[in-house]
Amino acid sequence: MADKFPKTKVRIVRYLADKTDLTQAQVASVLEQLAKLAYAGAKEKGGFPVPGLGKVSMIQRKARMGFNPKTQEKIQIPAKTVVKFRLSKTAKDAILAK
């Protein structure tokens, strides 16, 4: 495999198919179903955990005051809903290991 760390869906599917006993079509299907599950699960209270990676969740941000950096004018930033991904301790330790 040319890439040590594949960065596109096609390359990730190929890589996982090479590392498992699954076909590329099966791997692609698993990834699609995992994504659909995460989208639906993120809307639920508590979010959706991705084992070994972290948790996808939906949070409410409060309205707040901000400013335009160009004019220094104060502006009101409205409340909104955002999607957040929080890494698990296992993932942080693996990534930040020395």
N, C-alpha and C. Protein backbone atom coordinates (compact mmCIF):
# COMPACT_ATOMS: atom_id res chain seq x y z
N MET A 1 0.85 -1.18 0.00
CA MET A 1 0.00 0.00 0.00
C MET A 1 0.89 1.23 0.00
N ALA A 2 0.60 2.18 -0.87
CA ALA A 2 1.42 3.37 -1.02
C ALA A 2 1.34 4.29 0.20
N ASP A 3 0.14 4.49 0.74
CA ASP A 3 -0.03 5.38 1.88
C ASP A 3 0.04 4.59 3.18
N LYS A 4 0.85 5.07 4.10
CA LYS A 4 0.89 4.44 5.41
C LYS A 4 -0.39 4.78 6.17
N PHE A 5 -0.88 6.00 6.00
CA PHE A 5 -2.11 6.46 6.64
C PHE A 5 -3.06 6.98 5.58
N PRO A 6 -3.96 6.12 5.11
CA PRO A 6 -4.89 6.54 4.05
C PRO A 6 -5.80 7.67 4.53
N LYS A 7 -6.06 8.64 3.65
CA LYS A 7 -6.83 9.82 4.04
C LYS A 7 -8.09 10.03 3.23
N THR A 8 -8.40 9.12 2.32
CA THR A 8 -9.66 9.22 1.58
C THR A 8 -10.49 7.98 1.87
N LYS A 9 -11.78 8.07 1.62
CA LYS A 9 -12.66 6.93 1.90
C LYS A 9 -12.24 5.71 1.09
N VAL A 10 -11.93 5.91 -0.18
CA VAL A 10 -11.54 4.79 -1.05
C VAL A 10 -10.29 4.10 -0.51
N ARG A 11 -9.30 4.89 -0.11
CA ARG A 11 -8.06 4.31 0.40
C ARG A 11 -8.25 3.65 1.76
N ILE A 12 -9.12 4.23 2.59
CA ILE A 12 -9.41 3.62 3.88
C ILE A 12 -10.11 2.28 3.67
N VAL A 13 -11.06 2.23 2.75
CA VAL A 13 -11.77 0.98 2.45
C VAL A 13 -10.79 -0.07 1.94
N ARG A 14 -9.92 0.31 1.01
CA ARG A 14 -8.92 -0.65 0.49
C ARG A 14 -8.01 -1.17 1.60
N TYR A 15 -7.55 -0.24 2.44
CA TYR A 15 -6.65 -0.60 3.54
C TYR A 15 -7.33 -1.59 4.49
N LEU A 16 -8.55 -1.29 4.90
CA LEU A 16 -9.26 -2.17 5.82
C LEU A 16 -9.59 -3.52 5.18
N ALA A 17 -9.91 -3.51 3.90
CA ALA A 17 -10.17 -4.78 3.20
C ALA A 17 -8.90 -5.63 3.16
N ASP A 18 -7.74 -4.99 2.96
CA ASP A 18 -6.47 -5.72 2.95
C ASP A 18 -6.15 -6.30 4.33
N LYS A 19 -6.55 -5.60 5.39
CA LYS A 19 -6.21 -6.02 6.75
C LYS A 19 -7.22 -6.99 7.36
N THR A 20 -8.37 -7.17 6.70
CA THR A 20 -9.41 -8.05 7.24
C THR A 20 -9.79 -9.09 6.18
N ASP A 21 -10.70 -9.96 6.53
CA ASP A 21 -11.20 -10.97 5.59
C ASP A 21 -12.45 -10.47 4.88
N LEU A 22 -12.65 -9.16 4.83
CA LEU A 22 -13.83 -8.58 4.20
C LEU A 22 -13.49 -8.05 2.81
N THR A 23 -14.51 -7.99 1.97
CA THR A 23 -14.31 -7.39 0.64
C THR A 23 -14.40 -5.88 0.79
N GLN A 24 -13.99 -5.16 -0.26
CA GLN A 24 -14.07 -3.70 -0.23
C GLN A 24 -15.53 -3.26 -0.11
N ALA A 25 -16.44 -3.96 -0.76
CA ALA A 25 -17.87 -3.62 -0.68
C ALA A 25 -18.38 -3.80 0.74
N GLN A 26 -17.97 -4.86 1.40
CA GLN A 26 -18.39 -5.10 2.78
C GLN A 26 -17.85 -4.03 3.72
N VAL A 27 -16.59 -3.67 3.56
CA VAL A 27 -15.98 -2.63 4.39
C VAL A 27 -16.69 -1.30 4.17
N ALA A 28 -16.97 -0.96 2.92
CA ALA A 28 -17.67 0.29 2.60
C ALA A 28 -19.05 0.30 3.25
N SER A 29 -19.73 -0.83 3.21
CA SER A 29 -21.05 -0.93 3.83
C SER A 29 -20.98 -0.75 5.34
N VAL A 30 -19.99 -1.36 5.96
CA VAL A 30 -19.81 -1.21 7.41
C VAL A 30 -19.55 0.25 7.77
N LEU A 31 -18.69 0.92 7.02
CA LEU A 31 -18.40 2.34 7.28
C LEU A 31 -19.64 3.20 7.11
N GLU A 32 -20.42 2.94 6.08
CA GLU A 32 -21.65 3.71 5.85
C GLU A 32 -22.65 3.50 6.99
N GLN A 33 -22.81 2.26 7.43
CA GLN A 33 -23.74 1.98 8.52
C GLN A 33 -23.26 2.58 9.84
N LEU A 34 -21.95 2.57 10.07
CA LEU A 34 -21.40 3.18 11.27
C LEU A 34 -21.67 4.69 11.26
N ALA A 35 -21.49 5.32 10.11
CA ALA A 35 -21.74 6.75 9.99
C ALA A 35 -23.22 7.06 10.24
N LYS A 36 -24.12 6.27 9.65
CA LYS A 36 -25.56 6.48 9.86
C LYS A 36 -25.93 6.31 11.34
N LEU A 37 -25.35 5.31 11.96
CA LEU A 37 -25.59 5.06 13.38
C LEU A 37 -25.09 6.23 14.23
N ALA A 38 -23.91 6.75 13.89
CA ALA A 38 -23.34 7.89 14.63
C ALA A 38 -24.19 9.14 14.44
N TYR A 39 -24.71 9.38 13.22
CA TYR A 39 -25.56 10.55 12.98
C TYR A 39 -26.81 10.49 13.84
N ALA A 40 -27.45 9.34 13.87
CA ALA A 40 -28.67 9.18 14.66
C ALA A 40 -28.35 9.19 16.15
N GLY A 41 -27.28 8.53 16.54
CA GLY A 41 -26.91 8.44 17.95
C GLY A 41 -26.47 9.77 18.55
N ALA A 42 -25.89 10.64 17.73
CA ALA A 42 -25.43 11.94 18.23
C ALA A 42 -26.60 12.79 18.69
N LYS A 43 -27.78 12.54 18.13
CA LYS A 43 -28.97 13.31 18.49
C LYS A 43 -29.56 12.86 19.82
N GLU A 44 -29.21 11.67 20.26
CA GLU A 44 -29.73 11.13 21.51
C GLU A 44 -28.98 11.73 22.70
N LYS A 45 -29.63 11.72 23.86
CA LYS A 45 -28.98 12.21 25.07
C LYS A 45 -27.78 11.31 25.38
N GLY A 46 -26.65 11.88 25.65
CA GLY A 46 -25.45 11.11 25.93
C GLY A 46 -24.57 10.89 24.72
N GLY A 47 -25.07 11.17 23.53
CA GLY A 47 -24.26 11.06 22.32
C GLY A 47 -24.06 9.62 21.87
N PHE A 48 -23.13 9.45 20.94
CA PHE A 48 -22.84 8.15 20.35
C PHE A 48 -21.36 7.83 20.54
N PRO A 49 -21.03 6.79 21.32
CA PRO A 49 -19.63 6.43 21.51
C PRO A 49 -19.09 5.62 20.33
N VAL A 50 -17.90 5.97 19.88
CA VAL A 50 -17.19 5.19 18.88
C VAL A 50 -16.06 4.50 19.65
N PRO A 51 -16.21 3.21 19.95
CA PRO A 51 -15.24 2.52 20.81
C PRO A 51 -13.80 2.71 20.35
N GLY A 52 -12.96 3.09 21.29
CA GLY A 52 -11.54 3.30 21.01
C GLY A 52 -11.21 4.66 20.43
N LEU A 53 -12.21 5.44 20.03
CA LEU A 53 -11.94 6.76 19.44
C LEU A 53 -12.50 7.91 20.27
N GLY A 54 -13.77 7.85 20.59
CA GLY A 54 -14.38 8.95 21.33
C GLY A 54 -15.88 8.93 21.24
N LYS A 55 -16.47 10.13 21.38
CA LYS A 55 -17.92 10.22 21.39
C LYS A 55 -18.38 11.41 20.55
N VAL A 56 -19.40 11.17 19.72
CA VAL A 56 -20.03 12.22 18.92
C VAL A 56 -21.29 12.63 19.67
N SER A 57 -21.44 13.94 19.90
CA SER A 57 -22.64 14.39 20.59
C SER A 57 -23.08 15.75 20.07
N MET A 58 -24.33 16.06 20.36
CA MET A 58 -24.91 17.33 19.96
C MET A 58 -25.04 18.18 21.23
N ILE A 59 -24.56 19.42 21.18
CA ILE A 59 -24.65 20.28 22.36
C ILE A 59 -25.27 21.62 21.99
N GLN A 60 -25.82 22.27 22.99
CA GLN A 60 -26.39 23.60 22.82
C GLN A 60 -25.37 24.63 23.29
N ARG A 61 -25.04 25.58 22.46
CA ARG A 61 -24.19 26.69 22.87
C ARG A 61 -25.08 27.86 23.25
N LYS A 62 -24.76 28.51 24.34
CA LYS A 62 -25.54 29.65 24.80
C LYS A 62 -25.25 30.87 23.94
N ALA A 63 -26.20 31.81 23.94
CA ALA A 63 -25.97 33.09 23.27
C ALA A 63 -24.88 33.82 24.06
N ARG A 64 -24.08 34.60 23.36
CA ARG A 64 -23.00 35.32 24.03
C ARG A 64 -22.64 36.58 23.27
N MET A 65 -21.88 37.42 23.92
CA MET A 65 -21.39 38.64 23.28
C MET A 65 -20.03 38.33 22.65
N GLY A 66 -19.83 38.84 21.47
CA GLY A 66 -18.56 38.71 20.78
C GLY A 66 -18.20 40.05 20.19
N PHE A 67 -17.19 40.06 19.34
CA PHE A 67 -16.85 41.32 18.69
C PHE A 67 -16.28 41.05 17.31
N ASN A 68 -16.48 42.04 16.46
CA ASN A 68 -15.93 41.98 15.11
C ASN A 68 -14.47 42.38 15.23
N PRO A 69 -13.53 41.49 14.91
CA PRO A 69 -12.12 41.81 15.09
C PRO A 69 -11.64 42.96 14.19
N LYS A 70 -12.34 43.17 13.10
CA LYS A 70 -11.94 44.23 12.18
C LYS A 70 -12.31 45.62 12.71
N THR A 71 -13.54 45.72 13.26
CA THR A 71 -14.04 47.02 13.71
C THR A 71 -14.08 47.15 15.22
N GLN A 72 -13.85 46.07 15.94
CA GLN A 72 -13.94 46.01 17.41
C GLN A 72 -15.37 46.27 17.90
N GLU A 73 -16.34 46.23 17.01
CA GLU A 73 -17.73 46.44 17.37
C GLU A 73 -18.26 45.19 18.07
N LYS A 74 -18.98 45.40 19.19
CA LYS A 74 -19.58 44.28 19.91
C LYS A 74 -20.80 43.78 19.15
N ILE A 75 -20.92 42.44 19.10
CA ILE A 75 -22.06 41.84 18.42
C ILE A 75 -22.64 40.74 19.29
N GLN A 76 -23.91 40.48 19.11
CA GLN A 76 -24.58 39.40 19.83
C GLN A 76 -24.48 38.13 18.98
N ILE A 77 -23.91 37.08 19.55
CA ILE A 77 -23.81 35.79 18.87
C ILE A 77 -24.98 34.94 19.38
N PRO A 78 -25.88 34.51 18.52
CA PRO A 78 -27.07 33.78 18.97
C PRO A 78 -26.74 32.37 19.46
N ALA A 79 -27.63 31.81 20.26
CA ALA A 79 -27.50 30.43 20.71
C ALA A 79 -27.64 29.52 19.49
N LYS A 80 -26.95 28.38 19.54
CA LYS A 80 -27.07 27.43 18.44
C LYS A 80 -26.71 26.03 18.89
N THR A 81 -27.10 25.07 18.08
CA THR A 81 -26.78 23.67 18.32
C THR A 81 -25.58 23.30 17.46
N VAL A 82 -24.59 22.63 18.06
CA VAL A 82 -23.40 22.21 17.32
C VAL A 82 -23.13 20.73 17.59
N VAL A 83 -22.39 20.12 16.70
CA VAL A 83 -21.96 18.74 16.86
C VAL A 83 -20.53 18.77 17.37
N LYS A 84 -20.26 17.93 18.35
CA LYS A 84 -18.95 17.91 18.98
C LYS A 84 -18.42 16.47 18.98
N PHE A 85 -17.12 16.32 18.75
CA PHE A 85 -16.48 15.02 18.88
C PHE A 85 -15.44 15.13 19.97
N ARG A 86 -15.55 14.26 20.96
CA ARG A 86 -14.62 14.30 22.08
C ARG A 86 -13.81 13.01 22.08
N LEU A 87 -12.48 13.12 22.02
CA LEU A 87 -11.61 11.95 22.01
C LEU A 87 -11.68 11.21 23.33
N SER A 88 -11.57 9.89 23.26
CA SER A 88 -11.52 9.09 24.48
C SER A 88 -10.12 9.15 25.08
N LYS A 89 -10.00 8.79 26.34
CA LYS A 89 -8.71 8.79 27.00
C LYS A 89 -7.76 7.81 26.31
N THR A 90 -8.29 6.67 25.88
CA THR A 90 -7.49 5.68 25.18
C THR A 90 -6.88 6.26 23.91
N ALA A 91 -7.69 6.99 23.14
CA ALA A 91 -7.21 7.60 21.90
C ALA A 91 -6.17 8.69 22.19
N LYS A 92 -6.45 9.51 23.19
CA LYS A 92 -5.49 10.57 23.56
C LYS A 92 -4.15 9.97 23.96
N ASP A 93 -4.20 8.93 24.79
CA ASP A 93 -2.96 8.29 25.25
C ASP A 93 -2.19 7.67 24.08
N ALA A 94 -2.90 7.04 23.14
CA ALA A 94 -2.25 6.42 21.98
C ALA A 94 -1.63 7.47 21.07
N ILE A 95 -2.33 8.59 20.88
CA ILE A 95 -1.84 9.64 19.98
C ILE A 95 -0.70 10.42 20.61
N LEU A 96 -0.82 10.71 21.90
CA LEU A 96 0.17 11.55 22.56
C LEU A 96 1.31 10.77 23.21
N ALA A 97 1.32 9.44 23.05
CA ALA A 97 2.36 8.60 23.66
C ALA A 97 3.73 9.03 23.16
N LYS A 98 4.65 9.02 24.07
CA LYS A 98 6.01 9.45 23.72
C LYS A 98 6.86 8.29 23.29
